[in-house]
Amino acid sequence: MTKAVLFHELGGPEVMRLEDVEIGEPGPGEVLIRVDAIGLNRAEVLFRTGNYIEPVRRFPARLGTEAAGVVEAVGEGVSGFRPGDEVSTVPAFSQNDHGVYAERAIVPAAALVRRPEGLDAVEGAAVWMPYITAYGGLVEVGGMRPGDTVVLNAASSSVGLAAIHVAERIGATPIAVTRTAAKKPALLKEGATEVIVSESEDVVERVLTATGGRGAEYVFDAVAGAGVRDLAKVVADDGMLMLYGALSGEATPYPGFELGMPALNMRTYTMLETARRPERLRRAVAFVTSGLRSGAFRPVVDRTFELGDIVEAHRYLERNAQIGKIVVTVAH
């Protein structure tokens, strides 16, 4: 038996319960891990409320795709991992099939990466999803190069901060967009070249001024909705407006027609495009590991909670007050 977070109906944080469940043995291609820390992601809120890109198939349902821990057992056909290995999971599987909000969890071996030396469990649960999302979208898919400019909204999120660091590592210029001025000092400290406060500044004017009228080669948008109309105006010729989230909850128009049909490259992206393709994931892990070793990359942890406080952890996540990652620790 192990304790795991389950929910029996869609709803707010209060639907989550910590319950005793049978853990079983890992099947072919699977690994049983002792979970020491869990990284919280917006995807879990969307899944729990029925607003994710895939619906909940059955109840009770599990949650969570990002964790750090230690291998306890491996299933048939698993090579490269053995009991005692310190590992992290990357979000490469459906929450309908596996969930890491638990003391122990069975996950696909393909979703495991070795935890780099020097990272503890909390850091190991905070680093992979943000950096793989940022690298996969901007570099692997987008082809970001030195000298490019990238505009990042929701910039104080764990992905936003990772994207700032990835842009710096590549030699690109990161421009952060945040709703209020409260987070501006932190974003400048993390390496943003410019910080635009959207509630009091004109985002289009500021970006065009910062780029000498050229616009940004990349806009990495976590919000979507009606705001894409303005973001589309700052995309440079042959640039890309990449939607990797939908925090607004609004319908998202295609603004190219409204702008006179420029060559606007607008696409959606999820980190599953990277995490579920072995060669892409291999390149992403090598890139992120290199950045961690050099000190260019680092996990940014806003706050930790204990597993028994998972409801309060989700309430905090939904307030959008954090700068960086929220991590849940698991005592054994």
C-alpha atoms as a PDB file:
ATOM      1  CA  MET A   1       0.000   0.000   0.000  1.00  0.00           C
ATOM      2  CA  THR A   2       0.986   3.609  -0.506  1.00  0.00           C
ATOM      3  CA  LYS A   3      -0.659   6.960   0.053  1.00  0.00           C
ATOM      4  CA  ALA A   4      -1.697   8.768  -3.124  1.00  0.00           C
ATOM      5  CA  VAL A   5      -3.760  11.821  -4.004  1.00  0.00           C
ATOM      6  CA  LEU A   6      -7.022  10.908  -5.743  1.00  0.00           C
ATOM      7  CA  PHE A   7     -10.065  12.867  -6.825  1.00  0.00           C
ATOM      8  CA  HIS A   8     -13.501  11.346  -7.327  1.00  0.00           C
ATOM      9  CA  GLU A   9     -15.134  14.239  -9.181  1.00  0.00           C
ATOM     10  CA  LEU A  10     -14.129  17.329 -11.120  1.00  0.00           C
ATOM     11  CA  GLY A  11     -13.819  20.530  -9.135  1.00  0.00           C
ATOM     12  CA  GLY A  12     -11.669  22.806  -7.004  1.00  0.00           C
ATOM     13  CA  PRO A  13      -8.696  21.863  -4.833  1.00  0.00           C
ATOM     14  CA  GLU A  14     -11.004  20.475  -2.161  1.00  0.00           C
ATOM     15  CA  VAL A  15     -11.890  17.430  -4.327  1.00  0.00           C
ATOM     16  CA  MET A  16      -8.388  16.002  -3.783  1.00  0.00           C
ATOM     17  CA  ARG A  17      -7.962  13.398  -1.053  1.00  0.00           C
ATOM     18  CA  LEU A  18      -4.934  11.545   0.299  1.00  0.00           C
ATOM     19  CA  GLU A  19      -5.913   7.872   0.317  1.00  0.00           C
ATOM     20  CA  ASP A  20      -4.352   4.440   0.747  1.00  0.00           C
ATOM     21  CA  VAL A  21      -4.022   2.602  -2.580  1.00  0.00           C
ATOM     22  CA  GLU A  22      -2.480  -0.634  -3.787  1.00  0.00           C
ATOM     23  CA  ILE A  23       0.781   0.070  -5.571  1.00  0.00           C
ATOM     24  CA  GLY A  24       1.509  -3.288  -7.218  1.00  0.00           C
ATOM     25  CA  GLU A  25       4.633  -4.151  -9.188  1.00  0.00           C
ATOM     26  CA  PRO A  26       6.007  -2.357 -12.249  1.00  0.00           C
ATOM     27  CA  GLY A  27       4.992  -3.964 -15.537  1.00  0.00           C
ATOM     28  CA  PRO A  28       7.043  -4.237 -18.723  1.00  0.00           C
ATOM     29  CA  GLY A  29       8.782  -0.952 -19.456  1.00  0.00           C
ATOM     30  CA  GLU A  30       7.797   0.499 -16.085  1.00  0.00           C
ATOM     31  CA  VAL A  31       9.673   1.553 -12.955  1.00  0.00           C
ATOM     32  CA  LEU A  32       8.541   1.866  -9.340  1.00  0.00           C
ATOM     33  CA  ILE A  33       9.945   4.955  -7.648  1.00  0.00           C
ATOM     34  CA  ARG A  34       9.889   6.267  -4.120  1.00  0.00           C
ATOM     35  CA  VAL A  35       8.669   9.822  -4.559  1.00  0.00           C
ATOM     36  CA  ASP A  36      10.585  12.404  -2.536  1.00  0.00           C
ATOM     37  CA  ALA A  37       9.331  15.631  -4.153  1.00  0.00           C
ATOM     38  CA  ILE A  38       6.636  16.634  -6.647  1.00  0.00           C
ATOM     39  CA  GLY A  39       6.639  19.603  -9.009  1.00  0.00           C
ATOM     40  CA  LEU A  40       3.226  21.221  -9.400  1.00  0.00           C
ATOM     41  CA  ASN A  41       2.085  22.275 -12.858  1.00  0.00           C
ATOM     42  CA  ARG A  42      -0.880  24.140 -14.286  1.00  0.00           C
ATOM     43  CA  ALA A  43      -1.782  20.983 -16.230  1.00  0.00           C
ATOM     44  CA  GLU A  44      -2.855  19.310 -12.978  1.00  0.00           C
ATOM     45  CA  VAL A  45      -5.286  22.132 -12.186  1.00  0.00           C
ATOM     46  CA  LEU A  46      -6.738  21.901 -15.690  1.00  0.00           C
ATOM     47  CA  PHE A  47      -7.011  18.100 -15.475  1.00  0.00           C
ATOM     48  CA  ARG A  48      -8.704  18.260 -12.063  1.00  0.00           C
ATOM     49  CA  THR A  49     -11.245  20.821 -13.293  1.00  0.00           C
ATOM     50  CA  GLY A  50     -11.967  19.107 -16.618  1.00  0.00           C
ATOM     51  CA  ASN A  51     -10.313  21.789 -18.757  1.00  0.00           C
ATOM     52  CA  TYR A  52      -7.165  19.977 -19.880  1.00  0.00           C
ATOM     53  CA  ILE A  53      -6.296  18.930 -23.436  1.00  0.00           C
ATOM     54  CA  GLU A  54      -7.510  15.432 -22.542  1.00  0.00           C
ATOM     55  CA  PRO A  55     -10.500  14.565 -20.333  1.00  0.00           C
ATOM     56  CA  VAL A  56     -10.478  12.444 -17.198  1.00  0.00           C
ATOM     57  CA  ARG A  57     -11.385   8.942 -18.376  1.00  0.00           C
ATOM     58  CA  ARG A  58     -12.412   7.421 -15.041  1.00  0.00           C
ATOM     59  CA  PHE A  59     -12.746   8.076 -11.335  1.00  0.00           C
ATOM     60  CA  PRO A  60     -11.087   7.964  -8.928  1.00  0.00           C
ATOM     61  CA  ALA A  61      -8.384   9.754 -10.898  1.00  0.00           C
ATOM     62  CA  ARG A  62      -4.736  10.447 -10.125  1.00  0.00           C
ATOM     63  CA  LEU A  63      -2.641  13.538 -10.654  1.00  0.00           C
ATOM     64  CA  GLY A  64       0.913  14.570 -11.389  1.00  0.00           C
ATOM     65  CA  THR A  65       3.645  13.966 -13.943  1.00  0.00           C
ATOM     66  CA  GLU A  66       6.745  15.647 -12.484  1.00  0.00           C
ATOM     67  CA  ALA A  67       8.606  14.228  -9.507  1.00  0.00           C
ATOM     68  CA  ALA A  68      12.018  13.351  -8.112  1.00  0.00           C
ATOM     69  CA  GLY A  69      12.825  10.228  -6.187  1.00  0.00           C
ATOM     70  CA  VAL A  70      14.686   6.944  -6.067  1.00  0.00           C
ATOM     71  CA  VAL A  71      14.155   3.787  -8.134  1.00  0.00           C
ATOM     72  CA  GLU A  72      12.869   0.895  -5.997  1.00  0.00           C
ATOM     73  CA  ALA A  73      12.093  -1.735  -8.665  1.00  0.00           C
ATOM     74  CA  VAL A  74      12.161  -2.101 -12.444  1.00  0.00           C
ATOM     75  CA  GLY A  75       9.860  -4.047 -14.727  1.00  0.00           C
ATOM     76  CA  GLU A  76      10.646  -6.455 -17.522  1.00  0.00           C
ATOM     77  CA  GLY A  77      12.651  -5.017 -20.388  1.00  0.00           C
ATOM     78  CA  VAL A  78      13.881  -1.953 -18.515  1.00  0.00           C
ATOM     79  CA  SER A  79      17.558  -1.196 -19.026  1.00  0.00           C
ATOM     80  CA  GLY A  80      19.577   1.782 -17.871  1.00  0.00           C
ATOM     81  CA  PHE A  81      17.956   2.072 -14.446  1.00  0.00           C
ATOM     82  CA  ARG A  82      18.307  -0.015 -11.317  1.00  0.00           C
ATOM     83  CA  PRO A  83      17.192   0.201  -7.685  1.00  0.00           C
ATOM     84  CA  GLY A  84      18.904   3.023  -5.831  1.00  0.00           C
ATOM     85  CA  ASP A  85      19.210   5.356  -8.825  1.00  0.00           C
ATOM     86  CA  GLU A  86      18.243   8.967  -8.130  1.00  0.00           C
ATOM     87  CA  VAL A  87      15.890  10.061 -10.898  1.00  0.00           C
ATOM     88  CA  SER A  88      13.329  12.614 -11.984  1.00  0.00           C
ATOM     89  CA  THR A  89      10.222  12.082 -14.085  1.00  0.00           C
ATOM     90  CA  VAL A  90       9.380  14.253 -17.055  1.00  0.00           C
ATOM     91  CA  PRO A  91       5.783  14.810 -18.199  1.00  0.00           C
ATOM     92  CA  ALA A  92       5.807  12.210 -20.954  1.00  0.00           C
ATOM     93  CA  PHE A  93       2.674  10.254 -19.972  1.00  0.00           C
ATOM     94  CA  SER A  94      -1.025  10.772 -19.448  1.00  0.00           C
ATOM     95  CA  GLN A  95      -2.408  11.411 -15.975  1.00  0.00           C
ATOM     96  CA  ASN A  96      -5.102   8.916 -16.954  1.00  0.00           C
ATOM     97  CA  ASP A  97      -2.415   6.226 -16.890  1.00  0.00           C
ATOM     98  CA  HIS A  98      -0.011   7.297 -14.121  1.00  0.00           C
ATOM     99  CA  GLY A  99       0.172   9.861 -11.338  1.00  0.00           C
ATOM    100  CA  VAL A 100       3.075  10.942  -9.123  1.00  0.00           C
ATOM    101  CA  TYR A 101       1.125  12.724  -6.374  1.00  0.00           C
ATOM    102  CA  ALA A 102       1.976   9.828  -4.073  1.00  0.00           C
ATOM    103  CA  GLU A 103       4.523   8.329  -1.700  1.00  0.00           C
ATOM    104  CA  ARG A 104       5.382   5.759  -4.380  1.00  0.00           C
ATOM    105  CA  ALA A 105       4.477   5.685  -8.043  1.00  0.00           C
ATOM    106  CA  ILE A 106       4.833   3.454 -11.077  1.00  0.00           C
ATOM    107  CA  VAL A 107       5.891   5.378 -14.186  1.00  0.00           C
ATOM    108  CA  PRO A 108       7.171   4.511 -17.682  1.00  0.00           C
ATOM    109  CA  ALA A 109      10.939   4.120 -17.800  1.00  0.00           C
ATOM    110  CA  ALA A 110      10.861   6.322 -20.915  1.00  0.00           C
ATOM    111  CA  ALA A 111       9.768   9.216 -18.689  1.00  0.00           C
ATOM    112  CA  LEU A 112      12.768   8.957 -16.360  1.00  0.00           C
ATOM    113  CA  VAL A 113      15.956  11.006 -16.432  1.00  0.00           C
ATOM    114  CA  ARG A 114      18.898  10.689 -14.115  1.00  0.00           C
ATOM    115  CA  ARG A 115      19.101  13.459 -11.560  1.00  0.00           C
ATOM    116  CA  PRO A 116      22.288  15.450 -12.214  1.00  0.00           C
ATOM    117  CA  GLU A 117      24.840  15.446  -9.436  1.00  0.00           C
ATOM    118  CA  GLY A 118      24.363  18.329  -7.044  1.00  0.00           C
ATOM    119  CA  LEU A 119      20.562  18.545  -7.379  1.00  0.00           C
ATOM    120  CA  ASP A 120      18.523  17.537  -4.354  1.00  0.00           C
ATOM    121  CA  ALA A 121      15.017  16.088  -4.650  1.00  0.00           C
ATOM    122  CA  VAL A 122      13.216  19.442  -4.437  1.00  0.00           C
ATOM    123  CA  GLU A 123      15.413  20.873  -7.181  1.00  0.00           C
ATOM    124  CA  GLY A 124      15.075  17.682  -9.201  1.00  0.00           C
ATOM    125  CA  ALA A 125      11.286  18.094  -9.155  1.00  0.00           C
ATOM    126  CA  ALA A 126      11.496  21.729 -10.227  1.00  0.00           C
ATOM    127  CA  VAL A 127      13.830  21.789 -13.206  1.00  0.00           C
ATOM    128  CA  TRP A 128      12.822  19.445 -16.043  1.00  0.00           C
ATOM    129  CA  MET A 129       9.331  20.489 -17.105  1.00  0.00           C
ATOM    130  CA  PRO A 130      10.181  24.218 -17.264  1.00  0.00           C
ATOM    131  CA  TYR A 131      13.441  23.815 -19.160  1.00  0.00           C
ATOM    132  CA  ILE A 132      12.249  21.086 -21.511  1.00  0.00           C
ATOM    133  CA  THR A 133       9.192  23.199 -22.354  1.00  0.00           C
ATOM    134  CA  ALA A 134      11.295  26.293 -23.022  1.00  0.00           C
ATOM    135  CA  TYR A 135      14.046  24.454 -24.927  1.00  0.00           C
ATOM    136  CA  GLY A 136      11.624  22.290 -26.892  1.00  0.00           C
ATOM    137  CA  GLY A 137       9.463  25.173 -28.027  1.00  0.00           C
ATOM    138  CA  LEU A 138      12.031  27.869 -28.656  1.00  0.00           C
ATOM    139  CA  VAL A 139      15.051  25.868 -29.805  1.00  0.00           C
ATOM    140  CA  GLU A 140      13.987  22.398 -30.959  1.00  0.00           C
ATOM    141  CA  VAL A 141      10.803  23.492 -32.743  1.00  0.00           C
ATOM    142  CA  GLY A 142      11.309  27.237 -33.142  1.00  0.00           C
ATOM    143  CA  GLY A 143      15.002  27.255 -34.055  1.00  0.00           C
ATOM    144  CA  MET A 144      15.882  30.286 -31.916  1.00  0.00           C
ATOM    145  CA  ARG A 145      19.351  31.653 -32.721  1.00  0.00           C
ATOM    146  CA  PRO A 146      21.821  34.159 -31.295  1.00  0.00           C
ATOM    147  CA  GLY A 147      20.633  37.706 -31.862  1.00  0.00           C
ATOM    148  CA  ASP A 148      16.938  36.817 -31.891  1.00  0.00           C
ATOM    149  CA  THR A 149      14.472  38.458 -29.521  1.00  0.00           C
ATOM    150  CA  VAL A 150      11.788  36.540 -27.634  1.00  0.00           C
ATOM    151  CA  VAL A 151       8.794  38.070 -25.842  1.00  0.00           C
ATOM    152  CA  LEU A 152       7.595  36.036 -22.854  1.00  0.00           C
ATOM    153  CA  ASN A 153       4.322  36.567 -21.066  1.00  0.00           C
ATOM    154  CA  ALA A 154       3.465  34.883 -17.749  1.00  0.00           C
ATOM    155  CA  ALA A 155       7.192  35.431 -17.364  1.00  0.00           C
ATOM    156  CA  SER A 156       7.328  34.752 -13.616  1.00  0.00           C
ATOM    157  CA  SER A 157       6.092  31.183 -14.065  1.00  0.00           C
ATOM    158  CA  SER A 158       8.638  28.371 -13.906  1.00  0.00           C
ATOM    159  CA  VAL A 159       8.521  28.049 -17.714  1.00  0.00           C
ATOM    160  CA  GLY A 160       8.820  31.807 -18.169  1.00  0.00           C
ATOM    161  CA  LEU A 161      11.920  31.954 -15.988  1.00  0.00           C
ATOM    162  CA  ALA A 162      13.423  28.930 -17.755  1.00  0.00           C
ATOM    163  CA  ALA A 163      12.766  30.609 -21.109  1.00  0.00           C
ATOM    164  CA  ILE A 164      14.659  33.690 -19.933  1.00  0.00           C
ATOM    165  CA  HIS A 165      17.634  31.504 -19.034  1.00  0.00           C
ATOM    166  CA  VAL A 166      17.433  29.486 -22.279  1.00  0.00           C
ATOM    167  CA  ALA A 167      17.367  32.684 -24.346  1.00  0.00           C
ATOM    168  CA  GLU A 168      20.435  33.967 -22.507  1.00  0.00           C
ATOM    169  CA  ARG A 169      22.221  30.651 -23.032  1.00  0.00           C
ATOM    170  CA  ILE A 170      21.506  30.772 -26.780  1.00  0.00           C
ATOM    171  CA  GLY A 171      22.514  34.431 -27.108  1.00  0.00           C
ATOM    172  CA  ALA A 172      18.985  35.715 -27.686  1.00  0.00           C
ATOM    173  CA  THR A 173      17.326  38.683 -25.971  1.00  0.00           C
ATOM    174  CA  PRO A 174      14.449  37.912 -23.552  1.00  0.00           C
ATOM    175  CA  ILE A 175      11.725  40.523 -23.028  1.00  0.00           C
ATOM    176  CA  ALA A 176       9.439  39.650 -20.115  1.00  0.00           C
ATOM    177  CA  VAL A 177       5.797  40.692 -19.855  1.00  0.00           C
ATOM    178  CA  THR A 178       4.121  40.664 -16.441  1.00  0.00           C
ATOM    179  CA  ARG A 179       0.730  41.941 -15.353  1.00  0.00           C
ATOM    180  CA  THR A 180       1.794  44.017 -12.341  1.00  0.00           C
ATOM    181  CA  ALA A 181       4.966  45.798 -11.299  1.00  0.00           C
ATOM    182  CA  ALA A 182       5.379  43.595  -8.202  1.00  0.00           C
ATOM    183  CA  LYS A 183       7.362  40.938 -10.064  1.00  0.00           C
ATOM    184  CA  LYS A 184       9.509  43.296 -12.167  1.00  0.00           C
ATOM    185  CA  PRO A 185      12.600  43.287  -9.873  1.00  0.00           C
ATOM    186  CA  ALA A 186      12.651  39.489  -9.746  1.00  0.00           C
ATOM    187  CA  LEU A 187      12.401  39.203 -13.530  1.00  0.00           C
ATOM    188  CA  LEU A 188      15.261  41.639 -14.064  1.00  0.00           C
ATOM    189  CA  LYS A 189      17.321  39.684 -11.537  1.00  0.00           C
ATOM    190  CA  GLU A 190      16.614  36.456 -13.436  1.00  0.00           C
ATOM    191  CA  GLY A 191      18.024  37.992 -16.621  1.00  0.00           C
ATOM    192  CA  ALA A 192      15.199  39.646 -18.548  1.00  0.00           C
ATOM    193  CA  THR A 193      16.618  42.425 -20.721  1.00  0.00           C
ATOM    194  CA  GLU A 194      13.357  44.378 -20.533  1.00  0.00           C
ATOM    195  CA  VAL A 195      10.298  43.930 -18.317  1.00  0.00           C
ATOM    196  CA  ILE A 196       6.969  45.287 -19.571  1.00  0.00           C
ATOM    197  CA  VAL A 197       4.151  45.764 -17.050  1.00  0.00           C
ATOM    198  CA  SER A 198       1.057  45.072 -19.123  1.00  0.00           C
ATOM    199  CA  GLU A 199      -1.507  46.767 -16.863  1.00  0.00           C
ATOM    200  CA  SER A 200       0.248  50.130 -17.117  1.00  0.00           C
ATOM    201  CA  GLU A 201       2.380  50.007 -20.287  1.00  0.00           C
ATOM    202  CA  ASP A 202       1.683  49.537 -23.989  1.00  0.00           C
ATOM    203  CA  VAL A 203       3.191  46.135 -24.791  1.00  0.00           C
ATOM    204  CA  VAL A 204       3.263  46.714 -28.562  1.00  0.00           C
ATOM    205  CA  GLU A 205       4.936  50.095 -28.274  1.00  0.00           C
ATOM    206  CA  ARG A 206       7.500  48.877 -25.761  1.00  0.00           C
ATOM    207  CA  VAL A 207       8.497  45.818 -27.798  1.00  0.00           C
ATOM    208  CA  LEU A 208       8.794  47.752 -31.049  1.00  0.00           C
ATOM    209  CA  THR A 209      10.855  50.432 -29.319  1.00  0.00           C
ATOM    210  CA  ALA A 210      13.142  47.830 -27.727  1.00  0.00           C
ATOM    211  CA  THR A 211      13.719  46.120 -31.084  1.00  0.00           C
ATOM    212  CA  GLY A 212      14.175  49.269 -33.172  1.00  0.00           C
ATOM    213  CA  GLY A 213      10.844  48.665 -34.876  1.00  0.00           C
ATOM    214  CA  ARG A 214      11.844  45.185 -36.074  1.00  0.00           C
ATOM    215  CA  GLY A 215       9.686  43.215 -33.676  1.00  0.00           C
ATOM    216  CA  ALA A 216      10.481  39.942 -31.952  1.00  0.00           C
ATOM    217  CA  GLU A 217      11.419  36.782 -33.797  1.00  0.00           C
ATOM    218  CA  TYR A 218       9.525  34.786 -31.155  1.00  0.00           C
ATOM    219  CA  VAL A 219       6.563  35.371 -28.898  1.00  0.00           C
ATOM    220  CA  PHE A 220       6.170  32.555 -26.352  1.00  0.00           C
ATOM    221  CA  ASP A 221       2.607  32.890 -25.128  1.00  0.00           C
ATOM    222  CA  ALA A 222       1.193  31.069 -22.095  1.00  0.00           C
ATOM    223  CA  VAL A 223      -2.019  33.073 -21.909  1.00  0.00           C
ATOM    224  CA  ALA A 224      -3.689  32.975 -25.375  1.00  0.00           C
ATOM    225  CA  GLY A 225      -7.188  34.442 -25.715  1.00  0.00           C
ATOM    226  CA  ALA A 226      -7.887  37.925 -27.079  1.00  0.00           C
ATOM    227  CA  GLY A 227      -4.385  39.103 -26.125  1.00  0.00           C
ATOM    228  CA  VAL A 228      -2.900  37.421 -29.188  1.00  0.00           C
ATOM    229  CA  ARG A 229      -4.186  40.367 -31.243  1.00  0.00           C
ATOM    230  CA  ASP A 230      -1.585  42.643 -29.665  1.00  0.00           C
ATOM    231  CA  LEU A 231       1.124  40.008 -29.477  1.00  0.00           C
ATOM    232  CA  ALA A 232       0.762  39.336 -33.197  1.00  0.00           C
ATOM    233  CA  LYS A 233       1.612  42.982 -33.870  1.00  0.00           C
ATOM    234  CA  VAL A 234       5.094  42.569 -32.389  1.00  0.00           C
ATOM    235  CA  VAL A 235       6.111  39.462 -34.361  1.00  0.00           C
ATOM    236  CA  ALA A 236       8.948  40.221 -36.759  1.00  0.00           C
ATOM    237  CA  ASP A 237       8.925  39.183 -40.405  1.00  0.00           C
ATOM    238  CA  ASP A 238       9.236  35.380 -40.575  1.00  0.00           C
ATOM    239  CA  GLY A 239       8.812  35.291 -36.775  1.00  0.00           C
ATOM    240  CA  MET A 240       6.665  32.927 -34.746  1.00  0.00           C
ATOM    241  CA  LEU A 241       3.850  33.348 -32.248  1.00  0.00           C
ATOM    242  CA  MET A 242       3.910  30.124 -30.227  1.00  0.00           C
ATOM    243  CA  LEU A 243       1.028  29.307 -27.877  1.00  0.00           C
ATOM    244  CA  TYR A 244       2.076  26.893 -25.141  1.00  0.00           C
ATOM    245  CA  GLY A 245      -0.720  27.587 -22.645  1.00  0.00           C
ATOM    246  CA  ALA A 246      -4.211  29.008 -22.341  1.00  0.00           C
ATOM    247  CA  LEU A 247      -4.287  30.695 -18.941  1.00  0.00           C
ATOM    248  CA  SER A 248      -6.884  33.204 -20.116  1.00  0.00           C
ATOM    249  CA  GLY A 249      -9.519  30.522 -20.610  1.00  0.00           C
ATOM    250  CA  GLU A 250     -10.806  32.551 -23.569  1.00  0.00           C
ATOM    251  CA  ALA A 251     -11.300  31.611 -27.196  1.00  0.00           C
ATOM    252  CA  THR A 252      -8.188  32.464 -29.209  1.00  0.00           C
ATOM    253  CA  PRO A 253      -8.604  34.235 -32.560  1.00  0.00           C
ATOM    254  CA  TYR A 254      -6.231  34.060 -35.490  1.00  0.00           C
ATOM    255  CA  PRO A 255      -5.304  37.752 -35.884  1.00  0.00           C
ATOM    256  CA  GLY A 256      -3.561  37.449 -39.233  1.00  0.00           C
ATOM    257  CA  PHE A 257      -6.683  38.439 -41.156  1.00  0.00           C
ATOM    258  CA  GLU A 258      -7.253  41.505 -38.964  1.00  0.00           C
ATOM    259  CA  LEU A 259      -3.666  42.660 -39.567  1.00  0.00           C
ATOM    260  CA  GLY A 260      -3.930  42.525 -43.349  1.00  0.00           C
ATOM    261  CA  MET A 261      -2.696  38.937 -43.715  1.00  0.00           C
ATOM    262  CA  PRO A 262       1.012  39.260 -42.993  1.00  0.00           C
ATOM    263  CA  ALA A 263       3.058  36.051 -43.047  1.00  0.00           C
ATOM    264  CA  LEU A 264       2.177  35.269 -39.435  1.00  0.00           C
ATOM    265  CA  ASN A 265       3.435  31.902 -38.271  1.00  0.00           C
ATOM    266  CA  MET A 266       1.198  31.006 -35.325  1.00  0.00           C
ATOM    267  CA  ARG A 267       1.263  27.541 -33.797  1.00  0.00           C
ATOM    268  CA  THR A 268       0.465  25.686 -30.617  1.00  0.00           C
ATOM    269  CA  TYR A 269       3.097  23.756 -28.679  1.00  0.00           C
ATOM    270  CA  THR A 270       3.143  21.423 -25.703  1.00  0.00           C
ATOM    271  CA  MET A 271       6.229  19.955 -24.127  1.00  0.00           C
ATOM    272  CA  LEU A 272       4.844  16.495 -25.017  1.00  0.00           C
ATOM    273  CA  GLU A 273       6.176  17.174 -28.540  1.00  0.00           C
ATOM    274  CA  THR A 274       9.625  16.922 -26.966  1.00  0.00           C
ATOM    275  CA  ALA A 275       9.091  14.557 -24.032  1.00  0.00           C
ATOM    276  CA  ARG A 276       7.386  11.798 -26.043  1.00  0.00           C
ATOM    277  CA  ARG A 277       9.957  11.705 -28.875  1.00  0.00           C
ATOM    278  CA  PRO A 278      13.101   9.910 -27.676  1.00  0.00           C
ATOM    279  CA  GLU A 279      15.592  11.783 -29.869  1.00  0.00           C
ATOM    280  CA  ARG A 280      14.135  15.167 -29.022  1.00  0.00           C
ATOM    281  CA  LEU A 281      14.094  14.287 -25.334  1.00  0.00           C
ATOM    282  CA  ARG A 282      17.694  13.097 -25.513  1.00  0.00           C
ATOM    283  CA  ARG A 283      18.787  16.433 -26.992  1.00  0.00           C
ATOM    284  CA  ALA A 284      16.716  18.366 -24.460  1.00  0.00           C
ATOM    285  CA  VAL A 285      18.196  16.477 -21.505  1.00  0.00           C
ATOM    286  CA  ALA A 286      21.719  17.049 -22.823  1.00  0.00           C
ATOM    287  CA  PHE A 287      21.048  20.766 -23.301  1.00  0.00           C
ATOM    288  CA  VAL A 288      19.487  21.229 -19.852  1.00  0.00           C
ATOM    289  CA  THR A 289      22.143  19.125 -18.100  1.00  0.00           C
ATOM    290  CA  SER A 290      24.869  21.205 -19.741  1.00  0.00           C
ATOM    291  CA  GLY A 291      23.193  24.392 -18.560  1.00  0.00           C
ATOM    292  CA  LEU A 292      22.845  23.059 -15.021  1.00  0.00           C
ATOM    293  CA  ARG A 293      26.514  22.077 -14.894  1.00  0.00           C
ATOM    294  CA  SER A 294      27.660  25.479 -16.124  1.00  0.00           C
ATOM    295  CA  GLY A 295      25.396  27.362 -13.739  1.00  0.00           C
ATOM    296  CA  ALA A 296      23.443  28.989 -16.591  1.00  0.00           C
ATOM    297  CA  PHE A 297      20.343  27.049 -15.549  1.00  0.00           C
ATOM    298  CA  ARG A 298      18.989  26.506 -12.069  1.00  0.00           C
ATOM    299  CA  PRO A 299      15.704  25.491 -10.527  1.00  0.00           C
ATOM    300  CA  VAL A 300      13.776  28.443  -9.110  1.00  0.00           C
ATOM    301  CA  VAL A 301      11.580  27.237  -6.242  1.00  0.00           C
ATOM    302  CA  ASP A 302       9.023  29.678  -4.878  1.00  0.00           C
ATOM    303  CA  ARG A 303       7.637  27.633  -1.999  1.00  0.00           C
ATOM    304  CA  THR A 304       7.330  24.071  -0.728  1.00  0.00           C
ATOM    305  CA  PHE A 305       4.380  22.253   0.850  1.00  0.00           C
ATOM    306  CA  GLU A 306       4.041  18.802   2.398  1.00  0.00           C
ATOM    307  CA  LEU A 307       1.999  16.110   0.650  1.00  0.00           C
ATOM    308  CA  GLY A 308      -0.679  16.291   3.346  1.00  0.00           C
ATOM    309  CA  ASP A 309      -1.170  19.951   2.430  1.00  0.00           C
ATOM    310  CA  ILE A 310      -1.830  19.295  -1.255  1.00  0.00           C
ATOM    311  CA  VAL A 311      -5.171  21.146  -1.193  1.00  0.00           C
ATOM    312  CA  GLU A 312      -3.532  24.309   0.146  1.00  0.00           C
ATOM    313  CA  ALA A 313      -0.669  23.891  -2.344  1.00  0.00           C
ATOM    314  CA  HIS A 314      -3.161  23.913  -5.224  1.00  0.00           C
ATOM    315  CA  ARG A 315      -4.969  26.922  -3.785  1.00  0.00           C
ATOM    316  CA  TYR A 316      -1.654  28.753  -3.733  1.00  0.00           C
ATOM    317  CA  LEU A 317      -0.920  27.645  -7.317  1.00  0.00           C
ATOM    318  CA  GLU A 318      -4.267  28.996  -8.483  1.00  0.00           C
ATOM    319  CA  ARG A 319      -3.568  32.424  -6.940  1.00  0.00           C
ATOM    320  CA  ASN A 320      -0.736  32.962  -9.470  1.00  0.00           C
ATOM    321  CA  ALA A 321       1.369  34.734  -6.866  1.00  0.00           C
ATOM    322  CA  GLN A 322       4.447  32.549  -7.208  1.00  0.00           C
ATOM    323  CA  ILE A 323       7.743  33.328  -8.883  1.00  0.00           C
ATOM    324  CA  GLY A 324       9.057  30.002 -10.110  1.00  0.00           C
ATOM    325  CA  LYS A 325       8.050  26.504  -9.068  1.00  0.00           C
ATOM    326  CA  ILE A 326       5.835  25.195  -6.276  1.00  0.00           C
ATOM    327  CA  VAL A 327       7.124  21.865  -4.936  1.00  0.00           C
ATOM    328  CA  VAL A 328       5.454  19.352  -2.628  1.00  0.00           C
ATOM    329  CA  THR A 329       7.746  17.254  -0.416  1.00  0.00           C
ATOM    330  CA  VAL A 330       7.036  13.676   0.635  1.00  0.00           C
ATOM    331  CA  ALA A 331       8.195  12.401   4.026  1.00  0.00           C
ATOM    332  CA  HIS A 332       9.083   8.735   4.447  1.00  0.00           C
END
